[in-house]
C-alpha atoms as a PDB file:
ATOM      1  CA  MET A   1      86.978 132.684  53.767  1.00  0.00           C
ATOM      2  CA  ALA A   2      84.239 133.064  56.421  1.00  0.00           C
ATOM      3  CA  ARG A   3      83.898 129.265  56.623  1.00  0.00           C
ATOM      4  CA  SER A   4      87.612 128.852  57.138  1.00  0.00           C
ATOM      5  CA  TYR A   5      87.542 131.489  59.863  1.00  0.00           C
ATOM      6  CA  ARG A   6      84.657 129.763  61.638  1.00  0.00           C
ATOM      7  CA  MET A   7      86.414 126.405  61.488  1.00  0.00           C
ATOM      8  CA  LYS A   8      89.576 127.941  62.948  1.00  0.00           C
ATOM      9  CA  LYS A   9      87.644 129.566  65.789  1.00  0.00           C
ATOM     10  CA  ARG A  10      85.808 126.301  66.487  1.00  0.00           C
ATOM     11  CA  ALA A  11      89.142 124.417  66.644  1.00  0.00           C
ATOM     12  CA  GLU A  12      90.580 127.017  69.027  1.00  0.00           C
ATOM     13  CA  PHE A  13      87.510 126.785  71.251  1.00  0.00           C
ATOM     14  CA  ARG A  14      87.796 122.961  71.274  1.00  0.00           C
ATOM     15  CA  ASP A  15      91.461 123.138  72.227  1.00  0.00           C
ATOM     16  CA  GLN A  16      90.726 125.651  75.000  1.00  0.00           C
ATOM     17  CA  THR A  17      87.958 123.451  76.367  1.00  0.00           C
ATOM     18  CA  ARG A  18      90.224 120.413  76.297  1.00  0.00           C
ATOM     19  CA  GLU A  19      92.939 122.319  78.132  1.00  0.00           C
ATOM     20  CA  ARG A  20      90.425 123.554  80.729  1.00  0.00           C
ATOM     21  CA  ILE A  21      89.331 119.975  81.321  1.00  0.00           C
ATOM     22  CA  LEU A  22      92.943 118.855  81.766  1.00  0.00           C
ATOM     23  CA  GLN A  23      93.775 121.655  84.165  1.00  0.00           C
ATOM     24  CA  ALA A  24      90.646 120.936  86.230  1.00  0.00           C
ATOM     25  CA  THR A  25      91.507 117.244  86.300  1.00  0.00           C
ATOM     26  CA  MET A  26      95.081 117.817  87.437  1.00  0.00           C
ATOM     27  CA  GLN A  27      93.875 120.116  90.211  1.00  0.00           C
ATOM     28  CA  LEU A  28      91.479 117.476  91.438  1.00  0.00           C
ATOM     29  CA  HIS A  29      94.151 114.776  91.175  1.00  0.00           C
ATOM     30  CA  ASP A  30      96.457 116.908  93.304  1.00  0.00           C
ATOM     31  CA  GLU A  31      93.706 117.441  95.869  1.00  0.00           C
ATOM     32  CA  LYS A  32      92.304 113.944  96.208  1.00  0.00           C
ATOM     33  CA  GLY A  33      94.214 111.563  93.993  1.00  0.00           C
ATOM     34  CA  VAL A  34      93.670 110.092  90.546  1.00  0.00           C
ATOM     35  CA  ALA A  35      91.383 107.137  91.189  1.00  0.00           C
ATOM     36  CA  PRO A  36      88.815 108.935  93.428  1.00  0.00           C
ATOM     37  CA  THR A  37      88.325 111.810  90.880  1.00  0.00           C
ATOM     38  CA  THR A  38      85.061 111.485  88.957  1.00  0.00           C
ATOM     39  CA  PHE A  39      84.066 112.798  85.517  1.00  0.00           C
ATOM     40  CA  SER A  40      81.266 114.833  87.075  1.00  0.00           C
ATOM     41  CA  GLU A  41      83.756 116.519  89.434  1.00  0.00           C
ATOM     42  CA  VAL A  42      86.010 117.309  86.521  1.00  0.00           C
ATOM     43  CA  ALA A  43      83.078 118.757  84.525  1.00  0.00           C
ATOM     44  CA  GLU A  44      82.000 120.962  87.448  1.00  0.00           C
ATOM     45  CA  ARG A  45      85.539 122.237  88.052  1.00  0.00           C
ATOM     46  CA  ALA A  46      86.098 122.916  84.351  1.00  0.00           C
ATOM     47  CA  GLY A  47      82.700 124.618  83.950  1.00  0.00           C
ATOM     48  CA  VAL A  48      81.482 122.220  81.238  1.00  0.00           C
ATOM     49  CA  GLY A  49      78.940 119.430  81.002  1.00  0.00           C
ATOM     50  CA  VAL A  50      79.863 115.819  81.718  1.00  0.00           C
ATOM     51  CA  ALA A  51      79.079 114.984  78.058  1.00  0.00           C
ATOM     52  CA  THR A  52      81.759 117.478  77.000  1.00  0.00           C
ATOM     53  CA  VAL A  53      84.336 115.730  79.148  1.00  0.00           C
ATOM     54  CA  PHE A  54      83.359 112.371  77.584  1.00  0.00           C
ATOM     55  CA  ARG A  55      83.489 113.905  74.105  1.00  0.00           C
ATOM     56  CA  HIS A  56      87.106 114.898  74.644  1.00  0.00           C
ATOM     57  CA  PHE A  57      88.094 111.901  76.721  1.00  0.00           C
ATOM     58  CA  PRO A  58      85.819 108.861  76.112  1.00  0.00           C
ATOM     59  CA  LYS A  59      87.588 106.712  78.704  1.00  0.00           C
ATOM     60  CA  LEU A  60      89.204 107.443  82.072  1.00  0.00           C
ATOM     61  CA  GLY A  61      92.467 106.096  80.738  1.00  0.00           C
ATOM     62  CA  ASP A  62      92.432 108.671  77.937  1.00  0.00           C
ATOM     63  CA  LEU A  63      92.086 111.487  80.479  1.00  0.00           C
ATOM     64  CA  VAL A  64      94.756 110.075  82.807  1.00  0.00           C
ATOM     65  CA  ARG A  65      97.207 109.633  79.936  1.00  0.00           C
ATOM     66  CA  ALA A  66      96.616 113.214  78.717  1.00  0.00           C
ATOM     67  CA  CYS A  67      97.201 114.516  82.228  1.00  0.00           C
ATOM     68  CA  GLY A  68     100.321 112.380  82.451  1.00  0.00           C
ATOM     69  CA  VAL A  69     101.849 114.170  79.444  1.00  0.00           C
ATOM     70  CA  HIS A  70     101.395 117.531  81.225  1.00  0.00           C
ATOM     71  CA  VAL A  71     102.633 116.174  84.546  1.00  0.00           C
ATOM     72  CA  TRP A  72     105.708 114.640  82.887  1.00  0.00           C
ATOM     73  CA  GLN A  73     106.626 118.022  81.410  1.00  0.00           C
ATOM     74  CA  GLU A  74     106.160 119.777  84.745  1.00  0.00           C
ATOM     75  CA  MET A  75     108.005 117.178  86.846  1.00  0.00           C
ATOM     76  CA  ARG A  76     110.836 116.577  84.334  1.00  0.00           C
ATOM     77  CA  PRO A  77     111.741 113.075  85.536  1.00  0.00           C
ATOM     78  CA  PRO A  78     115.081 111.562  84.606  1.00  0.00           C
ATOM     79  CA  VAL A  79     115.030 109.523  81.409  1.00  0.00           C
ATOM     80  CA  PRO A  80     117.512 106.773  80.478  1.00  0.00           C
ATOM     81  CA  ASP A  81     118.874 108.622  77.447  1.00  0.00           C
ATOM     82  CA  MET A  82     119.957 111.638  79.492  1.00  0.00           C
ATOM     83  CA  ALA A  83     121.914 109.651  82.117  1.00  0.00           C
ATOM     84  CA  PRO A  84     125.326 109.754  80.427  1.00  0.00           C
ATOM     85  CA  ALA A  85     125.166 113.542  79.946  1.00  0.00           C
ATOM     86  CA  VAL A  86     124.288 114.094  83.601  1.00  0.00           C
ATOM     87  CA  PHE A  87     127.555 112.530  84.728  1.00  0.00           C
ATOM     88  CA  ALA A  88     129.819 113.694  81.889  1.00  0.00           C
ATOM     89  CA  GLY A  89     133.095 115.110  83.102  1.00  0.00           C
ATOM     90  CA  LEU A  90     132.822 113.646  86.655  1.00  0.00           C
ATOM     91  CA  GLU A  91     135.797 111.414  87.272  1.00  0.00           C
ATOM     92  CA  THR A  92     135.319 109.899  90.715  1.00  0.00           C
ATOM     93  CA  THR A  93     132.515 107.682  91.929  1.00  0.00           C
ATOM     94  CA  GLU A  94     132.082 110.029  94.889  1.00  0.00           C
ATOM     95  CA  GLU A  95     131.462 112.979  92.570  1.00  0.00           C
ATOM     96  CA  ARG A  96     129.022 110.890  90.561  1.00  0.00           C
ATOM     97  CA  MET A  97     127.149 109.859  93.713  1.00  0.00           C
ATOM     98  CA  ASP A  98     126.865 113.507  94.767  1.00  0.00           C
ATOM     99  CA  ARG A  99     125.414 114.391  91.362  1.00  0.00           C
ATOM    100  CA  LEU A 100     123.098 111.411  91.467  1.00  0.00           C
ATOM    101  CA  VAL A 101     121.590 112.490  94.799  1.00  0.00           C
ATOM    102  CA  GLU A 102     121.351 116.100  93.587  1.00  0.00           C
ATOM    103  CA  GLU A 103     119.494 115.103  90.385  1.00  0.00           C
ATOM    104  CA  ILE A 104     117.147 112.542  91.954  1.00  0.00           C
ATOM    105  CA  ASP A 105     116.343 114.693  94.998  1.00  0.00           C
ATOM    106  CA  GLY A 106     115.585 117.627  92.692  1.00  0.00           C
ATOM    107  CA  PHE A 107     113.124 115.471  90.789  1.00  0.00           C
ATOM    108  CA  TYR A 108     111.484 114.162  93.967  1.00  0.00           C
ATOM    109  CA  GLU A 109     111.134 117.744  95.244  1.00  0.00           C
ATOM    110  CA  ARG A 110     109.351 118.741  92.050  1.00  0.00           C
ATOM    111  CA  GLY A 111     107.070 115.719  91.988  1.00  0.00           C
ATOM    112  CA  ALA A 112     106.621 114.650  95.617  1.00  0.00           C
ATOM    113  CA  LEU A 113     102.857 115.141  95.859  1.00  0.00           C
ATOM    114  CA  ARG A 114     102.050 113.582  92.519  1.00  0.00           C
ATOM    115  CA  LEU A 115     104.445 110.671  92.980  1.00  0.00           C
ATOM    116  CA  ALA A 116     102.846 109.854  96.364  1.00  0.00           C
ATOM    117  CA  LEU A 117      99.307 110.018  94.964  1.00  0.00           C
ATOM    118  CA  ALA A 118     100.197 107.997  91.877  1.00  0.00           C
ATOM    119  CA  ALA A 119     101.874 105.325  93.991  1.00  0.00           C
ATOM    120  CA  ARG A 120      98.779 105.120  96.172  1.00  0.00           C
ATOM    121  CA  ASP A 121      96.512 104.506  93.183  1.00  0.00           C
ATOM    122  CA  ARG A 122      99.024 102.580  91.050  1.00  0.00           C
ATOM    123  CA  ASP A 123      97.260  99.219  91.279  1.00  0.00           C
ATOM    124  CA  LEU A 124      93.906 100.764  90.377  1.00  0.00           C
ATOM    125  CA  LEU A 125      94.829 102.312  87.029  1.00  0.00           C
ATOM    126  CA  PRO A 126      97.212 100.788  84.429  1.00  0.00           C
ATOM    127  CA  GLU A 127      98.076 104.284  83.163  1.00  0.00           C
ATOM    128  CA  LEU A 128      99.542 105.172  86.559  1.00  0.00           C
ATOM    129  CA  ASP A 129     101.571 101.966  86.577  1.00  0.00           C
ATOM    130  CA  GLN A 130     102.924 102.853  83.127  1.00  0.00           C
ATOM    131  CA  PHE A 131     103.802 106.376  84.274  1.00  0.00           C
ATOM    132  CA  LEU A 132     105.561 105.188  87.408  1.00  0.00           C
ATOM    133  CA  SER A 133     107.356 102.380  85.508  1.00  0.00           C
ATOM    134  CA  ALA A 134     108.766 105.027  83.160  1.00  0.00           C
ATOM    135  CA  VAL A 135     109.882 107.136  86.135  1.00  0.00           C
ATOM    136  CA  GLU A 136     111.542 104.072  87.736  1.00  0.00           C
ATOM    137  CA  ALA A 137     113.324 103.235  84.461  1.00  0.00           C
ATOM    138  CA  GLY A 138     114.853 106.737  84.526  1.00  0.00           C
ATOM    139  CA  ILE A 139     115.947 106.384  88.155  1.00  0.00           C
ATOM    140  CA  ASP A 140     117.395 102.944  87.394  1.00  0.00           C
ATOM    141  CA  ALA A 141     119.413 104.303  84.466  1.00  0.00           C
ATOM    142  CA  MET A 142     120.730 107.171  86.544  1.00  0.00           C
ATOM    143  CA  VAL A 143     121.867 104.952  89.384  1.00  0.00           C
ATOM    144  CA  ARG A 144     123.588 102.458  87.039  1.00  0.00           C
ATOM    145  CA  GLU A 145     125.274 105.257  85.097  1.00  0.00           C
ATOM    146  CA  ALA A 146     126.492 106.953  88.286  1.00  0.00           C
ATOM    147  CA  LEU A 147     127.998 103.721  89.637  1.00  0.00           C
ATOM    148  CA  LYS A 148     129.172 102.073  86.416  1.00  0.00           C
ATOM    149  CA  GLU A 149     132.894 102.749  87.085  1.00  0.00           C
ATOM    150  CA  ALA A 150     132.696 101.228  90.602  1.00  0.00           C
ATOM    151  CA  ASN A 151     132.420  97.636  89.308  1.00  0.00           C
ATOM    152  CA  LEU A 152     129.731  96.776  91.851  1.00  0.00           C
ATOM    153  CA  SER A 153     127.925  93.485  92.190  1.00  0.00           C
ATOM    154  CA  SER A 154     124.262  93.284  91.126  1.00  0.00           C
ATOM    155  CA  GLY A 155     123.381  93.045  94.842  1.00  0.00           C
ATOM    156  CA  ALA A 156     125.140  96.330  95.594  1.00  0.00           C
ATOM    157  CA  ILE A 157     123.372  97.986  92.640  1.00  0.00           C
ATOM    158  CA  GLU A 158     120.032  96.746  93.994  1.00  0.00           C
ATOM    159  CA  VAL A 159     120.818  98.257  97.405  1.00  0.00           C
ATOM    160  CA  ALA A 160     121.693 101.547  95.723  1.00  0.00           C
ATOM    161  CA  LEU A 161     118.417 101.472  93.794  1.00  0.00           C
ATOM    162  CA  ALA A 162     116.460 100.848  96.968  1.00  0.00           C
ATOM    163  CA  LEU A 163     118.206 103.718  98.765  1.00  0.00           C
ATOM    164  CA  MET A 164     117.463 106.094  95.884  1.00  0.00           C
ATOM    165  CA  SER A 165     113.776 105.154  95.757  1.00  0.00           C
ATOM    166  CA  PHE A 166     111.019 107.666  96.333  1.00  0.00           C
ATOM    167  CA  PRO A 167     109.736 106.003  99.562  1.00  0.00           C
ATOM    168  CA  VAL A 168     113.191 106.339 101.171  1.00  0.00           C
ATOM    169  CA  TRP A 169     113.404 109.993 100.110  1.00  0.00           C
ATOM    170  CA  ALA A 170     109.880 110.639 101.420  1.00  0.00           C
ATOM    171  CA  ALA A 171     110.679 109.044 104.775  1.00  0.00           C
ATOM    172  CA  LEU A 172     113.775 111.214 105.168  1.00  0.00           C
ATOM    173  CA  ASN A 173     111.842 114.277 103.959  1.00  0.00           C
ATOM    174  CA  ARG A 174     109.363 113.782 106.802  1.00  0.00           C
ATOM    175  CA  LEU A 175     112.215 114.365 109.253  1.00  0.00           C
ATOM    176  CA  GLY A 176     112.102 118.035 108.280  1.00  0.00           C
ATOM    177  CA  LEU A 177     115.846 118.306 107.596  1.00  0.00           C
ATOM    178  CA  PRO A 178     117.070 121.177 105.444  1.00  0.00           C
ATOM    179  CA  ALA A 179     117.549 120.075 101.823  1.00  0.00           C
ATOM    180  CA  ALA A 180     121.349 120.252 101.945  1.00  0.00           C
ATOM    181  CA  GLU A 181     121.503 118.160 105.150  1.00  0.00           C
ATOM    182  CA  ARG A 182     119.071 115.629 103.729  1.00  0.00           C
ATOM    183  CA  ALA A 183     121.127 115.337 100.570  1.00  0.00           C
ATOM    184  CA  ARG A 184     124.305 114.811 102.602  1.00  0.00           C
ATOM    185  CA  LEU A 185     122.562 112.111 104.624  1.00  0.00           C
ATOM    186  CA  ARG A 186     121.287 110.418 101.421  1.00  0.00           C
ATOM    187  CA  THR A 187     124.792 110.399  99.973  1.00  0.00           C
ATOM    188  CA  ASP A 188     126.240 108.945 103.199  1.00  0.00           C
ATOM    189  CA  LEU A 189     123.533 106.251 103.245  1.00  0.00           C
ATOM    190  CA  LEU A 190     124.306 105.417  99.647  1.00  0.00           C
ATOM    191  CA  LYS A 191     127.999 105.042 100.329  1.00  0.00           C
ATOM    192  CA  CYS A 192     127.427 102.935 103.447  1.00  0.00           C
ATOM    193  CA  GLY A 193     124.845 100.762 101.768  1.00  0.00           C
ATOM    194  CA  ILE A 194     127.090 100.068  98.788  1.00  0.00           C
ATOM    195  CA  ARG A 195     130.079  99.395 101.003  1.00  0.00           C
ATOM    196  CA  SER A 196     128.058  97.005 103.182  1.00  0.00           C
ATOM    197  CA  ALA A 197     126.612  95.148 100.159  1.00  0.00           C
ATOM    198  CA  ALA A 198     130.022  94.900  98.509  1.00  0.00           C
ATOM    199  CA  SER A 199     131.647  93.411 101.618  1.00  0.00           C
ATOM    200  CA  GLY A 200     128.792  91.082 102.473  1.00  0.00           C
END
């Protein structure tokens, strides 16, 4: 009985230490980016030795992937499977475009800092590329689902995807417009871009 209790307490302590390391890492990633963060900085922030960090996460990729699971849950990016449900009951393409902008902008609002930092370091860490590729797959599915009834050419879809990308949102966000005004502008740009691509 005592041995079982000790093992349980040890497992709890291990899990708490692992979580502390993850929280410290995510704080550092938010402050300086993923690639520049070192194991020694993580250890210092978490209040553990560097060897402890390596014991829990032998490779940088292991640590980045584990953080990615937490970040994914916090950011709640769109995923391909959820796209049909997002637009269920919306009959017109205009309604679907409004919902598309609302959903994607909400995600970008939640994840702006981390998306920008991940994009900056994307070519340095394959785990970041995998994370961003999954995000982009969700955005792609949402755009295609929103516009599927419009019978658009592949070129018009590509224009829509470009206009719904994070860099475009970030550029508009830097203008300091209120969220509602920015969303209206994004929807108008989407409509104009599709119309132009369709007629070209």
